[in-house]
Amino acid sequence: AMAWFRQAPGKEREFVASISWSGGSTNYADSV
């Protein structure tokens, strides 16, 4: 799988979204 995270100044790194290598499954943070 591959994923995206983000980190704003003064904050911890947070999950954004991920996808299986095949592209068949995705997962998103509620905020996005």
ModelCIF file with pLDDT and N, C-alpha, C, O atoms, coordinates in Angstrom:
data_MODEL
#
_entry.id   MODEL 
#
_entity.id                         1 
_entity.type                       polymer 
_entity.pdbx_number_of_molecules   1 
#
_entity_poly.entity_id                      1 
_entity_poly.type                           'polypeptide(L)' 
_entity_poly.nstd_linkage                   no 
_entity_poly.nstd_monomer                   no 
_entity_poly.pdbx_seq_one_letter_code       AMAWFRQAPGKEREFVASISWSGGSTNYADSV 
_entity_poly.pdbx_seq_one_letter_code_can   AMAWFRQAPGKEREFVASISWSGGSTNYADSV 
_entity_poly.pdbx_strand_id                 A 
#
loop_
_entity_poly_seq.entity_id 
_entity_poly_seq.num 
_entity_poly_seq.mon_id 
_entity_poly_seq.hetero 
1 1  ALA n 
1 2  MET n 
1 3  ALA n 
1 4  TRP n 
1 5  PHE n 
1 6  ARG n 
1 7  GLN n 
1 8  ALA n 
1 9  PRO n 
1 10 GLY n 
1 11 LYS n 
1 12 GLU n 
1 13 ARG n 
1 14 GLU n 
1 15 PHE n 
1 16 VAL n 
1 17 ALA n 
1 18 SER n 
1 19 ILE n 
1 20 SER n 
1 21 TRP n 
1 22 SER n 
1 23 GLY n 
1 24 GLY n 
1 25 SER n 
1 26 THR n 
1 27 ASN n 
1 28 TYR n 
1 29 ALA n 
1 30 ASP n 
1 31 SER n 
1 32 VAL n 
#
_struct_asym.id          A 
_struct_asym.entity_id   1 
#
loop_
_ma_qa_metric.id 
_ma_qa_metric.mode 
_ma_qa_metric.name 
_ma_qa_metric.software_group_id 
_ma_qa_metric.type 
1 global pLDDT . pLDDT 
2 local  pLDDT . pLDDT 
#
_ma_qa_metric_global.metric_id      1 
_ma_qa_metric_global.metric_value   93.31 
_ma_qa_metric_global.model_id       1 
_ma_qa_metric_global.ordinal_id     1 
#
loop_
_ma_qa_metric_local.label_asym_id 
_ma_qa_metric_local.label_comp_id 
_ma_qa_metric_local.label_seq_id 
_ma_qa_metric_local.metric_id 
_ma_qa_metric_local.metric_value 
_ma_qa_metric_local.model_id 
_ma_qa_metric_local.ordinal_id 
A ALA 1  2 91.00 1 1  
A MET 2  2 93.00 1 2  
A ALA 3  2 96.00 1 3  
A TRP 4  2 98.00 1 4  
A PHE 5  2 98.00 1 5  
A ARG 6  2 98.00 1 6  
A GLN 7  2 98.00 1 7  
A ALA 8  2 97.00 1 8  
A PRO 9  2 91.00 1 9  
A GLY 10 2 94.00 1 10 
A LYS 11 2 96.00 1 11 
A GLU 12 2 95.00 1 12 
A ARG 13 2 96.00 1 13 
A GLU 14 2 97.00 1 14 
A PHE 15 2 97.00 1 15 
A VAL 16 2 98.00 1 16 
A ALA 17 2 97.00 1 17 
A SER 18 2 95.00 1 18 
A ILE 19 2 94.00 1 19 
A SER 20 2 89.00 1 20 
A TRP 21 2 80.00 1 21 
A SER 22 2 78.00 1 22 
A GLY 23 2 76.00 1 23 
A GLY 24 2 82.00 1 24 
A SER 25 2 93.00 1 25 
A THR 26 2 95.00 1 26 
A ASN 27 2 95.00 1 27 
A TYR 28 2 97.00 1 28 
A ALA 29 2 97.00 1 29 
A ASP 30 2 96.00 1 30 
A SER 31 2 94.00 1 31 
A VAL 32 2 95.00 1 32 
#
loop_
_atom_site.group_PDB 
_atom_site.id 
_atom_site.type_symbol 
_atom_site.label_atom_id 
_atom_site.label_alt_id 
_atom_site.label_comp_id 
_atom_site.label_asym_id 
_atom_site.label_entity_id 
_atom_site.label_seq_id 
_atom_site.pdbx_PDB_ins_code 
_atom_site.Cartn_x 
_atom_site.Cartn_y 
_atom_site.Cartn_z 
_atom_site.occupancy 
_atom_site.B_iso_or_equiv 
_atom_site.pdbx_formal_charge 
_atom_site.auth_seq_id 
_atom_site.auth_comp_id 
_atom_site.auth_asym_id 
_atom_site.auth_atom_id 
_atom_site.pdbx_PDB_model_num 
ATOM 1   N N  . ALA A 1 1  ? 0.827   -1.192 0.000  1.00 91.00 ? 1  ALA A N  1 
ATOM 2   C CA . ALA A 1 1  ? 0.000   0.000  0.000  1.00 91.00 ? 1  ALA A CA 1 
ATOM 3   C C  . ALA A 1 1  ? 0.868   1.252  0.000  1.00 91.00 ? 1  ALA A C  1 
ATOM 4   O O  . ALA A 1 1  ? 2.047   1.213  0.352  1.00 91.00 ? 1  ALA A O  1 
ATOM 5   N N  . MET A 1 2  ? 0.262   2.353  -0.400 1.00 93.00 ? 2  MET A N  1 
ATOM 6   C CA . MET A 1 2  ? 0.893   3.652  -0.318 1.00 93.00 ? 2  MET A CA 1 
ATOM 7   C C  . MET A 1 2  ? -0.066  4.613  0.365  1.00 93.00 ? 2  MET A C  1 
ATOM 8   O O  . MET A 1 2  ? -1.280  4.415  0.343  1.00 93.00 ? 2  MET A O  1 
ATOM 9   N N  . ALA A 1 3  ? 0.486   5.649  0.967  1.00 96.00 ? 3  ALA A N  1 
ATOM 10  C CA . ALA A 1 3  ? -0.331  6.549  1.763  1.00 96.00 ? 3  ALA A CA 1 
ATOM 11  C C  . ALA A 1 3  ? 0.212   7.969  1.705  1.00 96.00 ? 3  ALA A C  1 
ATOM 12  O O  . ALA A 1 3  ? 1.355   8.205  1.313  1.00 96.00 ? 3  ALA A O  1 
ATOM 13  N N  . TRP A 1 4  ? -0.636  8.905  2.104  1.00 98.00 ? 4  TRP A N  1 
ATOM 14  C CA . TRP A 1 4  ? -0.252  10.297 2.266  1.00 98.00 ? 4  TRP A CA 1 
ATOM 15  C C  . TRP A 1 4  ? -0.451  10.705 3.719  1.00 98.00 ? 4  TRP A C  1 
ATOM 16  O O  . TRP A 1 4  ? -1.478  10.406 4.328  1.00 98.00 ? 4  TRP A O  1 
ATOM 17  N N  . PHE A 1 5  ? 0.537   11.385 4.259  1.00 98.00 ? 5  PHE A N  1 
ATOM 18  C CA . PHE A 1 5  ? 0.472   12.001 5.573  1.00 98.00 ? 5  PHE A CA 1 
ATOM 19  C C  . PHE A 1 5  ? 0.798   13.477 5.425  1.00 98.00 ? 5  PHE A C  1 
ATOM 20  O O  . PHE A 1 5  ? 1.325   13.900 4.396  1.00 98.00 ? 5  PHE A O  1 
ATOM 21  N N  . ARG A 1 6  ? 0.489   14.260 6.445  1.00 98.00 ? 6  ARG A N  1 
ATOM 22  C CA . ARG A 1 6  ? 0.856   15.666 6.437  1.00 98.00 ? 6  ARG A CA 1 
ATOM 23  C C  . ARG A 1 6  ? 1.262   16.095 7.838  1.00 98.00 ? 6  ARG A C  1 
ATOM 24  O O  . ARG A 1 6  ? 0.838   15.512 8.836  1.00 98.00 ? 6  ARG A O  1 
ATOM 25  N N  . GLN A 1 7  ? 2.084   17.117 7.886  1.00 98.00 ? 7  GLN A N  1 
ATOM 26  C CA . GLN A 1 7  ? 2.542   17.639 9.159  1.00 98.00 ? 7  GLN A CA 1 
ATOM 27  C C  . GLN A 1 7  ? 2.589   19.160 9.082  1.00 98.00 ? 7  GLN A C  1 
ATOM 28  O O  . GLN A 1 7  ? 3.348   19.734 8.301  1.00 98.00 ? 7  GLN A O  1 
ATOM 29  N N  . ALA A 1 8  ? 1.774   19.797 9.897  1.00 97.00 ? 8  ALA A N  1 
ATOM 30  C CA . ALA A 1 8  ? 1.747   21.244 9.991  1.00 97.00 ? 8  ALA A CA 1 
ATOM 31  C C  . ALA A 1 8  ? 2.708   21.703 11.080 1.00 97.00 ? 8  ALA A C  1 
ATOM 32  O O  . ALA A 1 8  ? 3.031   20.922 11.976 1.00 97.00 ? 8  ALA A O  1 
ATOM 33  N N  . PRO A 1 9  ? 3.173   22.946 11.028 1.00 91.00 ? 9  PRO A N  1 
ATOM 34  C CA . PRO A 1 9  ? 4.089   23.441 12.055 1.00 91.00 ? 9  PRO A CA 1 
ATOM 35  C C  . PRO A 1 9  ? 3.518   23.279 13.454 1.00 91.00 ? 9  PRO A C  1 
ATOM 36  O O  . PRO A 1 9  ? 2.377   23.661 13.713 1.00 91.00 ? 9  PRO A O  1 
ATOM 37  N N  . GLY A 1 10 ? 4.313   22.714 14.353 1.00 94.00 ? 10 GLY A N  1 
ATOM 38  C CA . GLY A 1 10 ? 3.899   22.534 15.727 1.00 94.00 ? 10 GLY A CA 1 
ATOM 39  C C  . GLY A 1 10 ? 2.946   21.384 15.974 1.00 94.00 ? 10 GLY A C  1 
ATOM 40  O O  . GLY A 1 10 ? 2.482   21.206 17.101 1.00 94.00 ? 10 GLY A O  1 
ATOM 41  N N  . LYS A 1 11 ? 2.642   20.601 14.956 1.00 96.00 ? 11 LYS A N  1 
ATOM 42  C CA . LYS A 1 11 ? 1.718   19.489 15.106 1.00 96.00 ? 11 LYS A CA 1 
ATOM 43  C C  . LYS A 1 11 ? 2.379   18.177 14.715 1.00 96.00 ? 11 LYS A C  1 
ATOM 44  O O  . LYS A 1 11 ? 3.399   18.159 14.026 1.00 96.00 ? 11 LYS A O  1 
ATOM 45  N N  . GLU A 1 12 ? 1.780   17.077 15.168 1.00 95.00 ? 12 GLU A N  1 
ATOM 46  C CA . GLU A 1 12 ? 2.272   15.756 14.827 1.00 95.00 ? 12 GLU A CA 1 
ATOM 47  C C  . GLU A 1 12 ? 1.874   15.388 13.402 1.00 95.00 ? 12 GLU A C  1 
ATOM 48  O O  . GLU A 1 12 ? 0.913   15.925 12.850 1.00 95.00 ? 12 GLU A O  1 
ATOM 49  N N  . ARG A 1 13 ? 2.626   14.469 12.824 1.00 96.00 ? 13 ARG A N  1 
ATOM 50  C CA . ARG A 1 13 ? 2.289   13.976 11.505 1.00 96.00 ? 13 ARG A CA 1 
ATOM 51  C C  . ARG A 1 13 ? 0.969   13.213 11.571 1.00 96.00 ? 13 ARG A C  1 
ATOM 52  O O  . ARG A 1 13 ? 0.780   12.369 12.447 1.00 96.00 ? 13 ARG A O  1 
ATOM 53  N N  . GLU A 1 14 ? 0.061   13.508 10.651 1.00 97.00 ? 14 GLU A N  1 
ATOM 54  C CA . GLU A 1 14 ? -1.247  12.892 10.678 1.00 97.00 ? 14 GLU A CA 1 
ATOM 55  C C  . GLU A 1 14 ? -1.575  12.221 9.351  1.00 97.00 ? 14 GLU A C  1 
ATOM 56  O O  . GLU A 1 14 ? -1.121  12.641 8.287  1.00 97.00 ? 14 GLU A O  1 
ATOM 57  N N  . PHE A 1 15 ? -2.364  11.181 9.447  1.00 97.00 ? 15 PHE A N  1 
ATOM 58  C CA . PHE A 1 15 ? -2.788  10.416 8.294  1.00 97.00 ? 15 PHE A CA 1 
ATOM 59  C C  . PHE A 1 15 ? -3.756  11.214 7.439  1.00 97.00 ? 15 PHE A C  1 
ATOM 60  O O  . PHE A 1 15 ? -4.616  11.924 7.961  1.00 97.00 ? 15 PHE A O  1 
ATOM 61  N N  . VAL A 1 16 ? -3.616  11.097 6.124  1.00 98.00 ? 16 VAL A N  1 
ATOM 62  C CA . VAL A 1 16 ? -4.523  11.741 5.184  1.00 98.00 ? 16 VAL A CA 1 
ATOM 63  C C  . VAL A 1 16 ? -5.315  10.705 4.388  1.00 98.00 ? 16 VAL A C  1 
ATOM 64  O O  . VAL A 1 16 ? -6.546  10.721 4.396  1.00 98.00 ? 16 VAL A O  1 
ATOM 65  N N  . ALA A 1 17 ? -4.611  9.808  3.706  1.00 97.00 ? 17 ALA A N  1 
ATOM 66  C CA . ALA A 1 17 ? -5.279  8.810  2.876  1.00 97.00 ? 17 ALA A CA 1 
ATOM 67  C C  . ALA A 1 17 ? -4.304  7.700  2.530  1.00 97.00 ? 17 ALA A C  1 
ATOM 68  O O  . ALA A 1 17 ? -3.090  7.901  2.558  1.00 97.00 ? 17 ALA A O  1 
ATOM 69  N N  . SER A 1 18 ? -4.833  6.534  2.205  1.00 95.00 ? 18 SER A N  1 
ATOM 70  C CA . SER A 1 18 ? -4.009  5.418  1.769  1.00 95.00 ? 18 SER A CA 1 
ATOM 71  C C  . SER A 1 18 ? -4.731  4.640  0.681  1.00 95.00 ? 18 SER A C  1 
ATOM 72  O O  . SER A 1 18 ? -5.948  4.740  0.528  1.00 95.00 ? 18 SER A O  1 
ATOM 73  N N  . ILE A 1 19 ? -3.961  3.866  -0.070 1.00 94.00 ? 19 ILE A N  1 
ATOM 74  C CA . ILE A 1 19 ? -4.517  3.075  -1.154 1.00 94.00 ? 19 ILE A CA 1 
ATOM 75  C C  . ILE A 1 19 ? -3.724  1.786  -1.282 1.00 94.00 ? 19 ILE A C  1 
ATOM 76  O O  . ILE A 1 19 ? -2.503  1.783  -1.129 1.00 94.00 ? 19 ILE A O  1 
ATOM 77  N N  . SER A 1 20 ? -4.417  0.695  -1.563 1.00 89.00 ? 20 SER A N  1 
ATOM 78  C CA . SER A 1 20 ? -3.731  -0.568 -1.772 1.00 89.00 ? 20 SER A CA 1 
ATOM 79  C C  . SER A 1 20 ? -2.917  -0.497 -3.055 1.00 89.00 ? 20 SER A C  1 
ATOM 80  O O  . SER A 1 20 ? -3.215  0.310  -3.935 1.00 89.00 ? 20 SER A O  1 
ATOM 81  N N  . TRP A 1 21 ? -1.889  -1.338 -3.166 1.00 80.00 ? 21 TRP A N  1 
ATOM 82  C CA . TRP A 1 21 ? -1.032  -1.323 -4.337 1.00 80.00 ? 21 TRP A CA 1 
ATOM 83  C C  . TRP A 1 21 ? -1.818  -1.568 -5.611 1.00 80.00 ? 21 TRP A C  1 
ATOM 84  O O  . TRP A 1 21 ? -1.496  -1.003 -6.656 1.00 80.00 ? 21 TRP A O  1 
ATOM 85  N N  . SER A 1 22 ? -2.836  -2.399 -5.538 1.00 78.00 ? 22 SER A N  1 
ATOM 86  C CA . SER A 1 22 ? -3.671  -2.680 -6.701 1.00 78.00 ? 22 SER A CA 1 
ATOM 87  C C  . SER A 1 22 ? -4.623  -1.536 -7.021 1.00 78.00 ? 22 SER A C  1 
ATOM 88  O O  . SER A 1 22 ? -5.175  -1.479 -8.120 1.00 78.00 ? 22 SER A O  1 
ATOM 89  N N  . GLY A 1 23 ? -4.818  -0.637 -6.085 1.00 76.00 ? 23 GLY A N  1 
ATOM 90  C CA . GLY A 1 23 ? -5.756  0.455  -6.261 1.00 76.00 ? 23 GLY A CA 1 
ATOM 91  C C  . GLY A 1 23 ? -7.193  0.098  -5.959 1.00 76.00 ? 23 GLY A C  1 
ATOM 92  O O  . GLY A 1 23 ? -8.092  0.912  -6.173 1.00 76.00 ? 23 GLY A O  1 
ATOM 93  N N  . GLY A 1 24 ? -7.426  -1.104 -5.464 1.00 82.00 ? 24 GLY A N  1 
ATOM 94  C CA . GLY A 1 24 ? -8.777  -1.562 -5.228 1.00 82.00 ? 24 GLY A CA 1 
ATOM 95  C C  . GLY A 1 24 ? -9.410  -1.088 -3.934 1.00 82.00 ? 24 GLY A C  1 
ATOM 96  O O  . GLY A 1 24 ? -10.631 -1.139 -3.790 1.00 82.00 ? 24 GLY A O  1 
ATOM 97  N N  . SER A 1 25 ? -8.608  -0.631 -2.996 1.00 93.00 ? 25 SER A N  1 
ATOM 98  C CA . SER A 1 25 ? -9.116  -0.193 -1.700 1.00 93.00 ? 25 SER A CA 1 
ATOM 99  C C  . SER A 1 25 ? -8.490  1.132  -1.322 1.00 93.00 ? 25 SER A C  1 
ATOM 100 O O  . SER A 1 25 ? -7.305  1.360  -1.562 1.00 93.00 ? 25 SER A O  1 
ATOM 101 N N  . THR A 1 26 ? -9.289  2.008  -0.727 1.00 95.00 ? 26 THR A N  1 
ATOM 102 C CA . THR A 1 26 ? -8.807  3.303  -0.261 1.00 95.00 ? 26 THR A CA 1 
ATOM 103 C C  . THR A 1 26 ? -9.292  3.563  1.152  1.00 95.00 ? 26 THR A C  1 
ATOM 104 O O  . THR A 1 26 ? -10.282 2.987  1.601  1.00 95.00 ? 26 THR A O  1 
ATOM 105 N N  . ASN A 1 27 ? -8.582  4.438  1.844  1.00 95.00 ? 27 ASN A N  1 
ATOM 106 C CA . ASN A 1 27 ? -8.921  4.810  3.200  1.00 95.00 ? 27 ASN A CA 1 
ATOM 107 C C  . ASN A 1 27 ? -8.613  6.292  3.371  1.00 95.00 ? 27 ASN A C  1 
ATOM 108 O O  . ASN A 1 27 ? -7.571  6.770  2.921  1.00 95.00 ? 27 ASN A O  1 
ATOM 109 N N  . TYR A 1 28 ? -9.523  7.022  4.025  1.00 97.00 ? 28 TYR A N  1 
ATOM 110 C CA . TYR A 1 28 ? -9.364  8.462  4.196  1.00 97.00 ? 28 TYR A CA 1 
ATOM 111 C C  . TYR A 1 28 ? -9.553  8.877  5.639  1.00 97.00 ? 28 TYR A C  1 
ATOM 112 O O  . TYR A 1 28 ? -10.348 8.288  6.372  1.00 97.00 ? 28 TYR A O  1 
ATOM 113 N N  . ALA A 1 29 ? -8.811  9.900  6.037  1.00 97.00 ? 29 ALA A N  1 
ATOM 114 C CA . ALA A 1 29 ? -9.103  10.548 7.297  1.00 97.00 ? 29 ALA A CA 1 
ATOM 115 C C  . ALA A 1 29 ? -10.463 11.221 7.201  1.00 97.00 ? 29 ALA A C  1 
ATOM 116 O O  . ALA A 1 29 ? -10.839 11.732 6.146  1.00 97.00 ? 29 ALA A O  1 
ATOM 117 N N  . ASP A 1 30 ? -11.201 11.219 8.311  1.00 96.00 ? 30 ASP A N  1 
ATOM 118 C CA . ASP A 1 30 ? -12.533 11.821 8.301  1.00 96.00 ? 30 ASP A CA 1 
ATOM 119 C C  . ASP A 1 30 ? -12.491 13.288 7.878  1.00 96.00 ? 30 ASP A C  1 
ATOM 120 O O  . ASP A 1 30 ? -13.433 13.784 7.258  1.00 96.00 ? 30 ASP A O  1 
ATOM 121 N N  . SER A 1 31 ? -11.424 13.969 8.203  1.00 94.00 ? 31 SER A N  1 
ATOM 122 C CA . SER A 1 31 ? -11.331 15.391 7.926  1.00 94.00 ? 31 SER A CA 1 
ATOM 123 C C  . SER A 1 31 ? -11.209 15.723 6.446  1.00 94.00 ? 31 SER A C  1 
ATOM 124 O O  . SER A 1 31 ? -11.430 16.870 6.059  1.00 94.00 ? 31 SER A O  1 
ATOM 125 N N  . VAL A 1 32 ? -10.861 14.742 5.602  1.00 95.00 ? 32 VAL A N  1 
ATOM 126 C CA . VAL A 1 32 ? -10.658 15.025 4.184  1.00 95.00 ? 32 VAL A CA 1 
ATOM 127 C C  . VAL A 1 32 ? -11.616 14.265 3.282  1.00 95.00 ? 32 VAL A C  1 
ATOM 128 O O  . VAL A 1 32 ? -11.558 14.408 2.060  1.00 95.00 ? 32 VAL A O  1 
#
